[in-house]
Amino acid sequence: MPSTYVNDLRLEEMATGEKSGTWGTITNTNLELIASAFSYGTENLASDADATITMSDGSADEVRSIYLKITSSGSLTATRTITLAPNTVSKLWIIENATTGGQSISISQGSGANVTIPNGGNKIIVTDGAGAGAAVYDALADQDVDITSGTIVGITDLAVADGGTGASDAATARTNLGLGTIATQAANSVSITGGSVTGITDITVDDGGTGASTASAARTNLGLAIGSDVQAYDADTLKADVSDTLTVGMLTTSYNLGNLSSATTLHINNGNIQHGTMTGSFTLTAPDDTDDGYIEVELTIDGTGGYTLTLSGFNELSGTAVMTASTVNLLRISKLNTNTYIEITQAV
């Protein structure tokens, strides 16, 4: 019976009575192959493609090594599948992905499960040697590591891609995580003391903003549109808290009634401001104009006063009023439709 190689390290198993005179050589080779199964080996991918690495029968090769470093001659452009053959080998490997190009590699043996190793990483994998349906398992995939006390020292900074910060100090960690120089930030209080805020959506009016990115749109959103919601600036606007020069009268026309001592009828159309001098008692009749309007009549007293002013045709204050000396009597008269109203005030 010839020798066989059906074991998991593909060692030569000699049949009884076979290999006379060579047992020592074959046994020594087997022992060397067993030793190499605990060693370090390298397999290189010659091209940017999937590859099969086969463990030789009864002779030395790199793939038998327990720690297997996989490299590549060129840069990989995608995840490549590395098949470990034969598919009947059940074995443990520690495999390192040292290929160039930044791509992962997928370790396979048959149609069963594969294990993906990221670029620059390594994993402990186990093949089940089940033939065509063989599967590859991540030996530590279901292992939980609980650290409840003590410290971890002497390890490489855990990369951001692996859930770490890629740093061993707070400032570098914030930089790696895209947090700039911010140290701590309360969830309900954001304080910005320098720099600028850019690239954000306009803050709505409901949230205390203007809902706009231009001054004009902001005024409109806040109900302050110039010309419709608020008056536009005008240097000629009259102000109450400063001295103003009036170049145009508030009332545009004036009319002199002259000396008044007999019955007089007012006329709206004579002017906005009408003035006269009382030289005796007389009757003042409401305007008989057809137009509506508003006038002010200034009456000054000539003499000692005590004159009687009789009002006729007014809807209010009809009757008589005594005009005293040393005063200016101001009559405010408004006419609307068929109603005419008068108000009399006196100013020293």
C-alpha atoms as a PDB file:
ATOM      1  CA  MET A   1       0.000   0.000   0.000  1.00  0.00           C
ATOM      2  CA  PRO A   2       1.501   3.402  -0.963  1.00  0.00           C
ATOM      3  CA  SER A   3       1.946   6.295   1.486  1.00  0.00           C
ATOM      4  CA  THR A   4      -1.030   8.659   2.170  1.00  0.00           C
ATOM      5  CA  TYR A   5      -1.305  12.359   3.176  1.00  0.00           C
ATOM      6  CA  VAL A   6      -4.846  12.587   4.557  1.00  0.00           C
ATOM      7  CA  ASN A   7      -3.866  14.176   7.888  1.00  0.00           C
ATOM      8  CA  ASP A   8      -4.306  17.910   8.664  1.00  0.00           C
ATOM      9  CA  LEU A   9      -0.609  18.748   8.144  1.00  0.00           C
ATOM     10  CA  ARG A  10      -0.270  16.682   4.963  1.00  0.00           C
ATOM     11  CA  LEU A  11       2.454  14.510   6.538  1.00  0.00           C
ATOM     12  CA  GLU A  12       3.465  11.335   4.757  1.00  0.00           C
ATOM     13  CA  GLU A  13       1.926   8.279   6.428  1.00  0.00           C
ATOM     14  CA  MET A  14       3.795   5.169   5.296  1.00  0.00           C
ATOM     15  CA  ALA A  15       2.038   1.872   4.913  1.00  0.00           C
ATOM     16  CA  THR A  16       3.298  -1.148   6.858  1.00  0.00           C
ATOM     17  CA  GLY A  17       6.195  -2.737   5.039  1.00  0.00           C
ATOM     18  CA  GLU A  18       6.667   0.216   2.703  1.00  0.00           C
ATOM     19  CA  LYS A  19       9.613   2.588   2.278  1.00  0.00           C
ATOM     20  CA  SER A  20      12.272   0.168   3.423  1.00  0.00           C
ATOM     21  CA  GLY A  21      15.466   2.038   4.137  1.00  0.00           C
ATOM     22  CA  THR A  22      13.812   5.509   3.955  1.00  0.00           C
ATOM     23  CA  TRP A  23      11.809   5.501   7.181  1.00  0.00           C
ATOM     24  CA  GLY A  24      14.366   7.665   8.916  1.00  0.00           C
ATOM     25  CA  THR A  25      14.404  10.304   6.184  1.00  0.00           C
ATOM     26  CA  ILE A  26      10.609  10.430   5.894  1.00  0.00           C
ATOM     27  CA  THR A  27      10.187  10.589   9.679  1.00  0.00           C
ATOM     28  CA  ASN A  28      12.679  13.427   9.937  1.00  0.00           C
ATOM     29  CA  THR A  29      10.844  15.302   7.183  1.00  0.00           C
ATOM     30  CA  ASN A  30       7.542  14.801   9.002  1.00  0.00           C
ATOM     31  CA  LEU A  31       9.042  16.131  12.209  1.00  0.00           C
ATOM     32  CA  GLU A  32      10.311  19.212  10.372  1.00  0.00           C
ATOM     33  CA  LEU A  33       6.869  19.784   8.855  1.00  0.00           C
ATOM     34  CA  ILE A  34       5.288  19.482  12.296  1.00  0.00           C
ATOM     35  CA  ALA A  35       7.731  22.096  13.605  1.00  0.00           C
ATOM     36  CA  SER A  36       6.992  24.429  10.711  1.00  0.00           C
ATOM     37  CA  ALA A  37       3.304  24.210  11.593  1.00  0.00           C
ATOM     38  CA  PHE A  38       4.210  26.258  14.716  1.00  0.00           C
ATOM     39  CA  SER A  39       6.324  28.773  12.795  1.00  0.00           C
ATOM     40  CA  TYR A  40       6.027  32.071  10.881  1.00  0.00           C
ATOM     41  CA  GLY A  41       5.430  32.026   7.152  1.00  0.00           C
ATOM     42  CA  THR A  42       4.678  34.437   4.270  1.00  0.00           C
ATOM     43  CA  GLU A  43       2.540  33.946   1.185  1.00  0.00           C
ATOM     44  CA  ASN A  44       2.578  36.571  -1.594  1.00  0.00           C
ATOM     45  CA  LEU A  45      -0.296  37.324  -3.991  1.00  0.00           C
ATOM     46  CA  ALA A  46       1.280  37.645  -7.413  1.00  0.00           C
ATOM     47  CA  SER A  47      -1.659  39.531  -8.973  1.00  0.00           C
ATOM     48  CA  ASP A  48      -4.697  41.672  -8.117  1.00  0.00           C
ATOM     49  CA  ALA A  49      -7.061  38.678  -8.124  1.00  0.00           C
ATOM     50  CA  ASP A  50      -8.503  35.869  -5.999  1.00  0.00           C
ATOM     51  CA  ALA A  51      -5.967  33.157  -5.176  1.00  0.00           C
ATOM     52  CA  THR A  52      -5.726  29.587  -3.834  1.00  0.00           C
ATOM     53  CA  ILE A  53      -2.880  28.641  -1.454  1.00  0.00           C
ATOM     54  CA  THR A  54      -2.302  24.890  -1.266  1.00  0.00           C
ATOM     55  CA  MET A  55      -0.540  22.982   1.505  1.00  0.00           C
ATOM     56  CA  SER A  56       1.887  20.517  -0.164  1.00  0.00           C
ATOM     57  CA  ASP A  57       1.878  16.797   0.520  1.00  0.00           C
ATOM     58  CA  GLY A  58       4.912  15.814   2.549  1.00  0.00           C
ATOM     59  CA  SER A  59       7.088  18.805   1.630  1.00  0.00           C
ATOM     60  CA  ALA A  60       7.840  22.190   3.149  1.00  0.00           C
ATOM     61  CA  ASP A  61       5.765  25.264   2.302  1.00  0.00           C
ATOM     62  CA  GLU A  62       4.807  28.575   3.933  1.00  0.00           C
ATOM     63  CA  VAL A  63       1.054  28.006   4.153  1.00  0.00           C
ATOM     64  CA  ARG A  64       1.526  25.294   6.813  1.00  0.00           C
ATOM     65  CA  SER A  65       2.803  27.950   9.303  1.00  0.00           C
ATOM     66  CA  ILE A  66       0.615  28.816  12.274  1.00  0.00           C
ATOM     67  CA  TYR A  67       1.263  32.556  11.706  1.00  0.00           C
ATOM     68  CA  LEU A  68       0.735  33.308   8.036  1.00  0.00           C
ATOM     69  CA  LYS A  69       1.450  36.782   6.665  1.00  0.00           C
ATOM     70  CA  ILE A  70      -0.227  37.457   3.320  1.00  0.00           C
ATOM     71  CA  THR A  71       1.403  40.136   1.124  1.00  0.00           C
ATOM     72  CA  SER A  72       0.850  41.274  -2.470  1.00  0.00           C
ATOM     73  CA  SER A  73       3.156  42.234  -5.337  1.00  0.00           C
ATOM     74  CA  GLY A  74       0.862  45.098  -6.358  1.00  0.00           C
ATOM     75  CA  SER A  75      -1.980  47.127  -4.884  1.00  0.00           C
ATOM     76  CA  LEU A  76      -5.282  45.310  -4.563  1.00  0.00           C
ATOM     77  CA  THR A  77      -8.273  47.211  -5.960  1.00  0.00           C
ATOM     78  CA  ALA A  78     -10.998  45.211  -4.204  1.00  0.00           C
ATOM     79  CA  THR A  79     -11.496  42.584  -1.512  1.00  0.00           C
ATOM     80  CA  ARG A  80      -9.823  39.383  -2.745  1.00  0.00           C
ATOM     81  CA  THR A  81     -10.753  35.847  -1.675  1.00  0.00           C
ATOM     82  CA  ILE A  82      -7.894  33.617  -0.482  1.00  0.00           C
ATOM     83  CA  THR A  83      -8.799  29.909  -0.541  1.00  0.00           C
ATOM     84  CA  LEU A  84      -6.862  27.554   1.769  1.00  0.00           C
ATOM     85  CA  ALA A  85      -6.434  24.111   0.177  1.00  0.00           C
ATOM     86  CA  PRO A  86      -6.933  21.248   0.376  1.00  0.00           C
ATOM     87  CA  ASN A  87     -10.488  21.715   1.675  1.00  0.00           C
ATOM     88  CA  THR A  88     -10.038  18.659   3.938  1.00  0.00           C
ATOM     89  CA  VAL A  89      -7.464  20.321   6.228  1.00  0.00           C
ATOM     90  CA  SER A  90      -8.800  21.216   9.678  1.00  0.00           C
ATOM     91  CA  LYS A  91      -6.349  23.637  11.248  1.00  0.00           C
ATOM     92  CA  LEU A  92      -5.844  26.834  13.249  1.00  0.00           C
ATOM     93  CA  TRP A  93      -4.069  29.828  11.674  1.00  0.00           C
ATOM     94  CA  ILE A  94      -3.194  33.352  12.709  1.00  0.00           C
ATOM     95  CA  ILE A  95      -3.436  35.282   9.433  1.00  0.00           C
ATOM     96  CA  GLU A  96      -2.194  38.851   8.883  1.00  0.00           C
ATOM     97  CA  ASN A  97      -3.434  40.999   5.997  1.00  0.00           C
ATOM     98  CA  ALA A  98      -0.248  42.796   4.895  1.00  0.00           C
ATOM     99  CA  THR A  99      -1.355  43.428   1.304  1.00  0.00           C
ATOM    100  CA  THR A 100      -0.996  46.865  -0.297  1.00  0.00           C
ATOM    101  CA  GLY A 101      -3.878  48.948  -1.605  1.00  0.00           C
ATOM    102  CA  GLY A 102      -5.867  49.233   1.640  1.00  0.00           C
ATOM    103  CA  GLN A 103      -8.216  46.324   0.782  1.00  0.00           C
ATOM    104  CA  SER A 104      -9.574  43.546   2.980  1.00  0.00           C
ATOM    105  CA  ILE A 105      -9.026  39.875   2.200  1.00  0.00           C
ATOM    106  CA  SER A 106     -11.595  37.094   2.638  1.00  0.00           C
ATOM    107  CA  ILE A 107     -10.326  33.703   3.869  1.00  0.00           C
ATOM    108  CA  SER A 108     -12.228  30.745   2.409  1.00  0.00           C
ATOM    109  CA  GLN A 109     -11.943  26.929   2.203  1.00  0.00           C
ATOM    110  CA  GLY A 110     -15.190  25.746   0.623  1.00  0.00           C
ATOM    111  CA  SER A 111     -18.756  26.915   0.090  1.00  0.00           C
ATOM    112  CA  GLY A 112     -19.249  27.504   3.819  1.00  0.00           C
ATOM    113  CA  ALA A 113     -18.596  30.657   5.831  1.00  0.00           C
ATOM    114  CA  ASN A 114     -15.655  32.949   5.162  1.00  0.00           C
ATOM    115  CA  VAL A 115     -13.740  35.308   7.490  1.00  0.00           C
ATOM    116  CA  THR A 116     -12.814  38.828   6.336  1.00  0.00           C
ATOM    117  CA  ILE A 117      -9.581  40.398   7.601  1.00  0.00           C
ATOM    118  CA  PRO A 118      -9.224  44.199   7.249  1.00  0.00           C
ATOM    119  CA  ASN A 119      -6.083  45.642   5.740  1.00  0.00           C
ATOM    120  CA  GLY A 120      -3.346  45.864   8.344  1.00  0.00           C
ATOM    121  CA  GLY A 121      -5.248  43.570  10.702  1.00  0.00           C
ATOM    122  CA  ASN A 122      -4.950  39.940  11.719  1.00  0.00           C
ATOM    123  CA  LYS A 123      -7.313  37.264  12.974  1.00  0.00           C
ATOM    124  CA  ILE A 124      -7.190  33.804  14.485  1.00  0.00           C
ATOM    125  CA  ILE A 125      -9.157  31.549  12.125  1.00  0.00           C
ATOM    126  CA  VAL A 126     -10.076  27.862  12.126  1.00  0.00           C
ATOM    127  CA  THR A 127     -10.924  25.715   9.097  1.00  0.00           C
ATOM    128  CA  ASP A 128     -13.251  22.726   9.580  1.00  0.00           C
ATOM    129  CA  GLY A 129     -11.866  20.684   6.616  1.00  0.00           C
ATOM    130  CA  ALA A 130     -15.382  19.587   5.611  1.00  0.00           C
ATOM    131  CA  GLY A 131     -14.556  19.194   1.933  1.00  0.00           C
ATOM    132  CA  ALA A 132     -16.530  21.083  -0.719  1.00  0.00           C
ATOM    133  CA  GLY A 133     -18.740  22.691   1.918  1.00  0.00           C
ATOM    134  CA  ALA A 134     -15.857  23.592   4.225  1.00  0.00           C
ATOM    135  CA  ALA A 135     -16.194  26.725   6.339  1.00  0.00           C
ATOM    136  CA  VAL A 136     -13.784  29.148   7.977  1.00  0.00           C
ATOM    137  CA  TYR A 137     -14.505  30.505  11.469  1.00  0.00           C
ATOM    138  CA  ASP A 138     -13.230  33.515  13.414  1.00  0.00           C
ATOM    139  CA  ALA A 139     -11.946  31.882  16.582  1.00  0.00           C
ATOM    140  CA  LEU A 140     -12.536  35.009  18.694  1.00  0.00           C
ATOM    141  CA  ALA A 141     -15.737  36.264  17.071  1.00  0.00           C
ATOM    142  CA  ASP A 142     -17.971  35.273  19.986  1.00  0.00           C
ATOM    143  CA  GLN A 143     -15.550  36.032  22.780  1.00  0.00           C
ATOM    144  CA  ASP A 144     -16.504  38.751  25.263  1.00  0.00           C
ATOM    145  CA  VAL A 145     -13.732  40.502  27.156  1.00  0.00           C
ATOM    146  CA  ASP A 146     -14.773  42.072  30.455  1.00  0.00           C
ATOM    147  CA  ILE A 147     -12.346  44.354  32.289  1.00  0.00           C
ATOM    148  CA  THR A 148     -13.711  45.394  35.662  1.00  0.00           C
ATOM    149  CA  SER A 149     -10.598  46.797  37.312  1.00  0.00           C
ATOM    150  CA  GLY A 150      -6.936  47.558  36.887  1.00  0.00           C
ATOM    151  CA  THR A 151      -5.351  49.209  33.845  1.00  0.00           C
ATOM    152  CA  ILE A 152      -4.367  48.299  30.293  1.00  0.00           C
ATOM    153  CA  VAL A 153      -0.846  49.322  29.352  1.00  0.00           C
ATOM    154  CA  GLY A 154       1.537  48.865  26.454  1.00  0.00           C
ATOM    155  CA  ILE A 155      -1.091  48.648  23.719  1.00  0.00           C
ATOM    156  CA  THR A 156      -1.257  50.516  20.410  1.00  0.00           C
ATOM    157  CA  ASP A 157      -3.823  53.300  20.284  1.00  0.00           C
ATOM    158  CA  LEU A 158      -7.117  51.864  19.064  1.00  0.00           C
ATOM    159  CA  ALA A 159      -7.957  53.329  15.663  1.00  0.00           C
ATOM    160  CA  VAL A 160     -11.138  55.332  15.024  1.00  0.00           C
ATOM    161  CA  ALA A 161     -12.117  52.717  12.442  1.00  0.00           C
ATOM    162  CA  ASP A 162     -12.048  50.118  15.223  1.00  0.00           C
ATOM    163  CA  GLY A 163     -14.118  52.185  17.642  1.00  0.00           C
ATOM    164  CA  GLY A 164     -11.253  54.004  19.356  1.00  0.00           C
ATOM    165  CA  THR A 165      -9.817  57.518  19.134  1.00  0.00           C
ATOM    166  CA  GLY A 166      -6.458  56.703  17.536  1.00  0.00           C
ATOM    167  CA  ALA A 167      -4.727  58.694  20.269  1.00  0.00           C
ATOM    168  CA  SER A 168      -3.338  58.479  23.766  1.00  0.00           C
ATOM    169  CA  ASP A 169      -4.095  62.064  24.820  1.00  0.00           C
ATOM    170  CA  ALA A 170      -7.323  64.083  24.901  1.00  0.00           C
ATOM    171  CA  ALA A 171      -6.269  66.858  22.496  1.00  0.00           C
ATOM    172  CA  THR A 172      -5.200  64.440  19.745  1.00  0.00           C
ATOM    173  CA  ALA A 173      -8.307  62.322  20.318  1.00  0.00           C
ATOM    174  CA  ARG A 174     -10.561  65.373  19.797  1.00  0.00           C
ATOM    175  CA  THR A 175      -8.680  66.213  16.614  1.00  0.00           C
ATOM    176  CA  ASN A 176      -9.006  62.641  15.281  1.00  0.00           C
ATOM    177  CA  LEU A 177     -12.727  62.675  16.071  1.00  0.00           C
ATOM    178  CA  GLY A 178     -13.221  66.009  14.305  1.00  0.00           C
ATOM    179  CA  LEU A 179     -13.976  67.898  17.537  1.00  0.00           C
ATOM    180  CA  GLY A 180     -11.367  70.640  17.130  1.00  0.00           C
ATOM    181  CA  THR A 181     -10.261  72.126  20.429  1.00  0.00           C
ATOM    182  CA  ILE A 182     -13.560  71.679  22.285  1.00  0.00           C
ATOM    183  CA  ALA A 183     -13.025  69.971  25.642  1.00  0.00           C
ATOM    184  CA  THR A 184     -16.454  69.583  27.210  1.00  0.00           C
ATOM    185  CA  GLN A 185     -19.886  70.803  26.215  1.00  0.00           C
ATOM    186  CA  ALA A 186     -23.062  70.812  28.275  1.00  0.00           C
ATOM    187  CA  ALA A 187     -26.027  69.488  26.337  1.00  0.00           C
ATOM    188  CA  ASN A 188     -28.252  72.437  27.278  1.00  0.00           C
ATOM    189  CA  SER A 189     -25.737  75.290  27.109  1.00  0.00           C
ATOM    190  CA  VAL A 190     -23.599  76.075  24.055  1.00  0.00           C
ATOM    191  CA  SER A 191     -21.098  78.899  24.441  1.00  0.00           C
ATOM    192  CA  ILE A 192     -19.280  80.245  21.373  1.00  0.00           C
ATOM    193  CA  THR A 193     -16.655  82.839  22.301  1.00  0.00           C
ATOM    194  CA  GLY A 194     -14.648  83.050  19.087  1.00  0.00           C
ATOM    195  CA  GLY A 195     -14.398  82.027  15.460  1.00  0.00           C
ATOM    196  CA  SER A 196     -17.435  81.843  13.207  1.00  0.00           C
ATOM    197  CA  VAL A 197     -20.367  79.544  12.496  1.00  0.00           C
ATOM    198  CA  THR A 198     -20.814  78.693   8.813  1.00  0.00           C
ATOM    199  CA  GLY A 199     -22.682  76.242   6.641  1.00  0.00           C
ATOM    200  CA  ILE A 200     -25.791  76.032   8.831  1.00  0.00           C
ATOM    201  CA  THR A 201     -29.448  76.280   7.893  1.00  0.00           C
ATOM    202  CA  ASP A 202     -31.033  79.659   8.693  1.00  0.00           C
ATOM    203  CA  ILE A 203     -32.377  79.595  12.262  1.00  0.00           C
ATOM    204  CA  THR A 204     -36.159  79.981  12.191  1.00  0.00           C
ATOM    205  CA  VAL A 205     -38.028  82.806  13.904  1.00  0.00           C
ATOM    206  CA  ASP A 206     -39.664  80.194  16.179  1.00  0.00           C
ATOM    207  CA  ASP A 207     -36.179  79.214  17.409  1.00  0.00           C
ATOM    208  CA  GLY A 208     -35.058  82.788  18.032  1.00  0.00           C
ATOM    209  CA  GLY A 209     -33.524  83.470  14.611  1.00  0.00           C
ATOM    210  CA  THR A 210     -34.658  85.428  11.573  1.00  0.00           C
ATOM    211  CA  GLY A 211     -35.254  82.537   9.166  1.00  0.00           C
ATOM    212  CA  ALA A 212     -33.141  84.335   6.583  1.00  0.00           C
ATOM    213  CA  SER A 213     -29.566  84.876   5.436  1.00  0.00           C
ATOM    214  CA  THR A 214     -30.017  88.439   4.122  1.00  0.00           C
ATOM    215  CA  ALA A 215     -30.971  91.603   5.999  1.00  0.00           C
ATOM    216  CA  SER A 216     -33.894  92.318   3.652  1.00  0.00           C
ATOM    217  CA  ALA A 217     -35.413  88.838   4.039  1.00  0.00           C
ATOM    218  CA  ALA A 218     -34.829  88.973   7.814  1.00  0.00           C
ATOM    219  CA  ARG A 219     -36.774  92.250   8.111  1.00  0.00           C
ATOM    220  CA  THR A 220     -39.634  90.778   6.102  1.00  0.00           C
ATOM    221  CA  ASN A 221     -39.769  87.631   8.265  1.00  0.00           C
ATOM    222  CA  LEU A 222     -39.798  89.768  11.413  1.00  0.00           C
ATOM    223  CA  GLY A 223     -42.577  92.026  10.105  1.00  0.00           C
ATOM    224  CA  LEU A 224     -40.207  94.972   9.721  1.00  0.00           C
ATOM    225  CA  ALA A 225     -40.177  95.354   5.948  1.00  0.00           C
ATOM    226  CA  ILE A 226     -39.220  98.955   5.109  1.00  0.00           C
ATOM    227  CA  GLY A 227     -41.931 100.790   3.255  1.00  0.00           C
ATOM    228  CA  SER A 228     -44.706  98.353   4.189  1.00  0.00           C
ATOM    229  CA  ASP A 229     -44.287  97.465   7.875  1.00  0.00           C
ATOM    230  CA  VAL A 230     -42.158 100.428   8.982  1.00  0.00           C
ATOM    231  CA  GLN A 231     -41.539 103.894   7.566  1.00  0.00           C
ATOM    232  CA  ALA A 232     -38.345 104.371   5.625  1.00  0.00           C
ATOM    233  CA  TYR A 233     -35.777 106.780   7.049  1.00  0.00           C
ATOM    234  CA  ASP A 234     -36.379 110.405   6.149  1.00  0.00           C
ATOM    235  CA  ALA A 235     -34.149 113.232   7.408  1.00  0.00           C
ATOM    236  CA  ASP A 236     -37.177 115.546   7.311  1.00  0.00           C
ATOM    237  CA  THR A 237     -39.242 113.451   9.733  1.00  0.00           C
ATOM    238  CA  LEU A 238     -40.466 115.617  12.633  1.00  0.00           C
ATOM    239  CA  LYS A 239     -38.954 114.582  15.983  1.00  0.00           C
ATOM    240  CA  ALA A 240     -40.298 115.444  19.416  1.00  0.00           C
ATOM    241  CA  ASP A 241     -36.983 115.359  21.323  1.00  0.00           C
ATOM    242  CA  VAL A 242     -34.968 117.740  19.132  1.00  0.00           C
ATOM    243  CA  SER A 243     -35.356 121.216  17.655  1.00  0.00           C
ATOM    244  CA  ASP A 244     -36.967 121.045  14.204  1.00  0.00           C
ATOM    245  CA  THR A 245     -37.143 123.680  11.503  1.00  0.00           C
ATOM    246  CA  LEU A 246     -40.480 123.671   9.715  1.00  0.00           C
ATOM    247  CA  THR A 247     -40.012 124.755   6.126  1.00  0.00           C
ATOM    248  CA  VAL A 248     -43.586 123.888   5.162  1.00  0.00           C
ATOM    249  CA  GLY A 249     -46.490 124.879   7.382  1.00  0.00           C
ATOM    250  CA  MET A 250     -48.548 122.212   9.015  1.00  0.00           C
ATOM    251  CA  LEU A 251     -51.620 124.066   7.723  1.00  0.00           C
ATOM    252  CA  THR A 252     -51.060 125.594   4.368  1.00  0.00           C
ATOM    253  CA  THR A 253     -53.439 128.591   4.168  1.00  0.00           C
ATOM    254  CA  SER A 254     -54.294 131.515   6.459  1.00  0.00           C
ATOM    255  CA  TYR A 255     -57.169 134.063   6.327  1.00  0.00           C
ATOM    256  CA  ASN A 256     -57.670 137.382   8.156  1.00  0.00           C
ATOM    257  CA  LEU A 257     -61.240 137.909   9.405  1.00  0.00           C
ATOM    258  CA  GLY A 258     -60.436 141.480  10.457  1.00  0.00           C
ATOM    259  CA  ASN A 259     -62.258 143.298  13.259  1.00  0.00           C
ATOM    260  CA  LEU A 260     -65.270 141.388  14.531  1.00  0.00           C
ATOM    261  CA  SER A 261     -68.150 143.205  16.242  1.00  0.00           C
ATOM    262  CA  SER A 262     -71.170 142.165  14.206  1.00  0.00           C
ATOM    263  CA  ALA A 263     -72.715 138.958  12.918  1.00  0.00           C
ATOM    264  CA  THR A 264     -70.138 136.852  11.064  1.00  0.00           C
ATOM    265  CA  THR A 265     -70.471 133.606   9.098  1.00  0.00           C
ATOM    266  CA  LEU A 266     -67.396 131.394   8.806  1.00  0.00           C
ATOM    267  CA  HIS A 267     -66.358 129.756   5.550  1.00  0.00           C
ATOM    268  CA  ILE A 268     -64.304 126.553   5.363  1.00  0.00           C
ATOM    269  CA  ASN A 269     -62.781 127.544   2.044  1.00  0.00           C
ATOM    270  CA  ASN A 270     -61.244 130.754   3.413  1.00  0.00           C
ATOM    271  CA  GLY A 271     -58.282 128.818   4.898  1.00  0.00           C
ATOM    272  CA  ASN A 272     -57.067 126.378   7.462  1.00  0.00           C
ATOM    273  CA  ILE A 273     -56.180 129.098   9.968  1.00  0.00           C
ATOM    274  CA  GLN A 274     -58.403 132.161  10.332  1.00  0.00           C
ATOM    275  CA  HIS A 275     -57.791 134.975  12.771  1.00  0.00           C
ATOM    276  CA  GLY A 276     -59.581 138.149  13.798  1.00  0.00           C
ATOM    277  CA  THR A 277     -59.884 140.790  16.541  1.00  0.00           C
ATOM    278  CA  MET A 278     -62.985 141.100  18.721  1.00  0.00           C
ATOM    279  CA  THR A 279     -63.961 144.761  19.089  1.00  0.00           C
ATOM    280  CA  GLY A 280     -67.361 143.980  20.552  1.00  0.00           C
ATOM    281  CA  SER A 281     -69.965 141.292  21.140  1.00  0.00           C
ATOM    282  CA  PHE A 282     -71.205 139.471  18.042  1.00  0.00           C
ATOM    283  CA  THR A 283     -72.812 136.293  16.713  1.00  0.00           C
ATOM    284  CA  LEU A 284     -70.645 133.657  14.988  1.00  0.00           C
ATOM    285  CA  THR A 285     -72.535 131.438  12.565  1.00  0.00           C
ATOM    286  CA  ALA A 286     -71.322 127.968  11.625  1.00  0.00           C
ATOM    287  CA  PRO A 287     -69.789 127.505   8.156  1.00  0.00           C
ATOM    288  CA  ASP A 288     -72.369 127.139   5.419  1.00  0.00           C
ATOM    289  CA  ASP A 289     -69.959 125.621   2.884  1.00  0.00           C
ATOM    290  CA  THR A 290     -71.021 122.418   1.167  1.00  0.00           C
ATOM    291  CA  ASP A 291     -67.521 120.950   1.627  1.00  0.00           C
ATOM    292  CA  ASP A 292     -66.425 119.238   4.808  1.00  0.00           C
ATOM    293  CA  GLY A 293     -63.298 120.486   6.551  1.00  0.00           C
ATOM    294  CA  TYR A 294     -61.428 121.620   9.641  1.00  0.00           C
ATOM    295  CA  ILE A 295     -60.357 125.152  10.597  1.00  0.00           C
ATOM    296  CA  GLU A 296     -58.860 126.937  13.576  1.00  0.00           C
ATOM    297  CA  VAL A 297     -60.016 130.467  14.399  1.00  0.00           C
ATOM    298  CA  GLU A 298     -57.825 132.627  16.638  1.00  0.00           C
ATOM    299  CA  LEU A 299     -59.715 135.499  18.339  1.00  0.00           C
ATOM    300  CA  THR A 300     -57.807 138.186  20.151  1.00  0.00           C
ATOM    301  CA  ILE A 301     -59.511 140.726  22.436  1.00  0.00           C
ATOM    302  CA  ASP A 302     -59.432 144.433  21.677  1.00  0.00           C
ATOM    303  CA  GLY A 303     -60.019 146.460  24.807  1.00  0.00           C
ATOM    304  CA  THR A 304     -60.955 145.330  28.249  1.00  0.00           C
ATOM    305  CA  GLY A 305     -62.790 142.235  27.141  1.00  0.00           C
ATOM    306  CA  GLY A 306     -65.947 140.897  28.596  1.00  0.00           C
ATOM    307  CA  TYR A 307     -67.440 140.610  25.124  1.00  0.00           C
ATOM    308  CA  THR A 308     -70.170 138.064  24.505  1.00  0.00           C
ATOM    309  CA  LEU A 309     -69.748 135.593  21.675  1.00  0.00           C
ATOM    310  CA  THR A 310     -73.012 134.042  20.538  1.00  0.00           C
ATOM    311  CA  LEU A 311     -72.720 130.753  18.631  1.00  0.00           C
ATOM    312  CA  SER A 312     -75.263 129.824  16.008  1.00  0.00           C
ATOM    313  CA  GLY A 313     -75.650 126.660  13.933  1.00  0.00           C
ATOM    314  CA  PHE A 314     -73.143 124.498  15.799  1.00  0.00           C
ATOM    315  CA  ASN A 315     -74.090 121.019  16.982  1.00  0.00           C
ATOM    316  CA  GLU A 316     -72.218 121.468  20.244  1.00  0.00           C
ATOM    317  CA  LEU A 317     -71.545 124.490  22.449  1.00  0.00           C
ATOM    318  CA  SER A 318     -74.247 126.555  20.812  1.00  0.00           C
ATOM    319  CA  GLY A 319     -75.184 129.524  23.008  1.00  0.00           C
ATOM    320  CA  THR A 320     -73.001 132.262  24.381  1.00  0.00           C
ATOM    321  CA  ALA A 321     -69.510 132.512  25.767  1.00  0.00           C
ATOM    322  CA  VAL A 322     -67.787 135.447  27.453  1.00  0.00           C
ATOM    323  CA  MET A 323     -64.435 136.383  25.917  1.00  0.00           C
ATOM    324  CA  THR A 324     -62.077 137.844  28.522  1.00  0.00           C
ATOM    325  CA  ALA A 325     -59.224 140.270  27.986  1.00  0.00           C
ATOM    326  CA  SER A 326     -55.524 139.388  27.756  1.00  0.00           C
ATOM    327  CA  THR A 327     -56.246 136.040  26.171  1.00  0.00           C
ATOM    328  CA  VAL A 328     -56.149 134.400  22.804  1.00  0.00           C
ATOM    329  CA  ASN A 329     -59.316 132.452  22.189  1.00  0.00           C
ATOM    330  CA  LEU A 330     -58.840 129.460  19.924  1.00  0.00           C
ATOM    331  CA  LEU A 331     -61.880 128.026  18.195  1.00  0.00           C
ATOM    332  CA  ARG A 332     -61.425 124.579  16.650  1.00  0.00           C
ATOM    333  CA  ILE A 333     -64.215 123.925  14.164  1.00  0.00           C
ATOM    334  CA  SER A 334     -64.842 120.738  12.180  1.00  0.00           C
ATOM    335  CA  LYS A 335     -67.580 120.154   9.640  1.00  0.00           C
ATOM    336  CA  LEU A 336     -68.665 116.663   8.604  1.00  0.00           C
ATOM    337  CA  ASN A 337     -71.720 116.174   6.429  1.00  0.00           C
ATOM    338  CA  THR A 338     -74.468 118.223   8.089  1.00  0.00           C
ATOM    339  CA  ASN A 339     -72.853 118.364  11.511  1.00  0.00           C
ATOM    340  CA  THR A 340     -70.574 121.160  12.656  1.00  0.00           C
ATOM    341  CA  TYR A 341     -68.680 121.045  15.938  1.00  0.00           C
ATOM    342  CA  ILE A 342     -66.796 123.744  17.837  1.00  0.00           C
ATOM    343  CA  GLU A 343     -64.346 123.673  20.727  1.00  0.00           C
ATOM    344  CA  ILE A 344     -63.264 126.883  22.501  1.00  0.00           C
ATOM    345  CA  THR A 345     -60.010 127.147  24.454  1.00  0.00           C
ATOM    346  CA  GLN A 346     -58.265 130.154  25.964  1.00  0.00           C
ATOM    347  CA  ALA A 347     -54.541 130.712  26.247  1.00  0.00           C
ATOM    348  CA  VAL A 348     -52.954 133.553  28.182  1.00  0.00           C
END
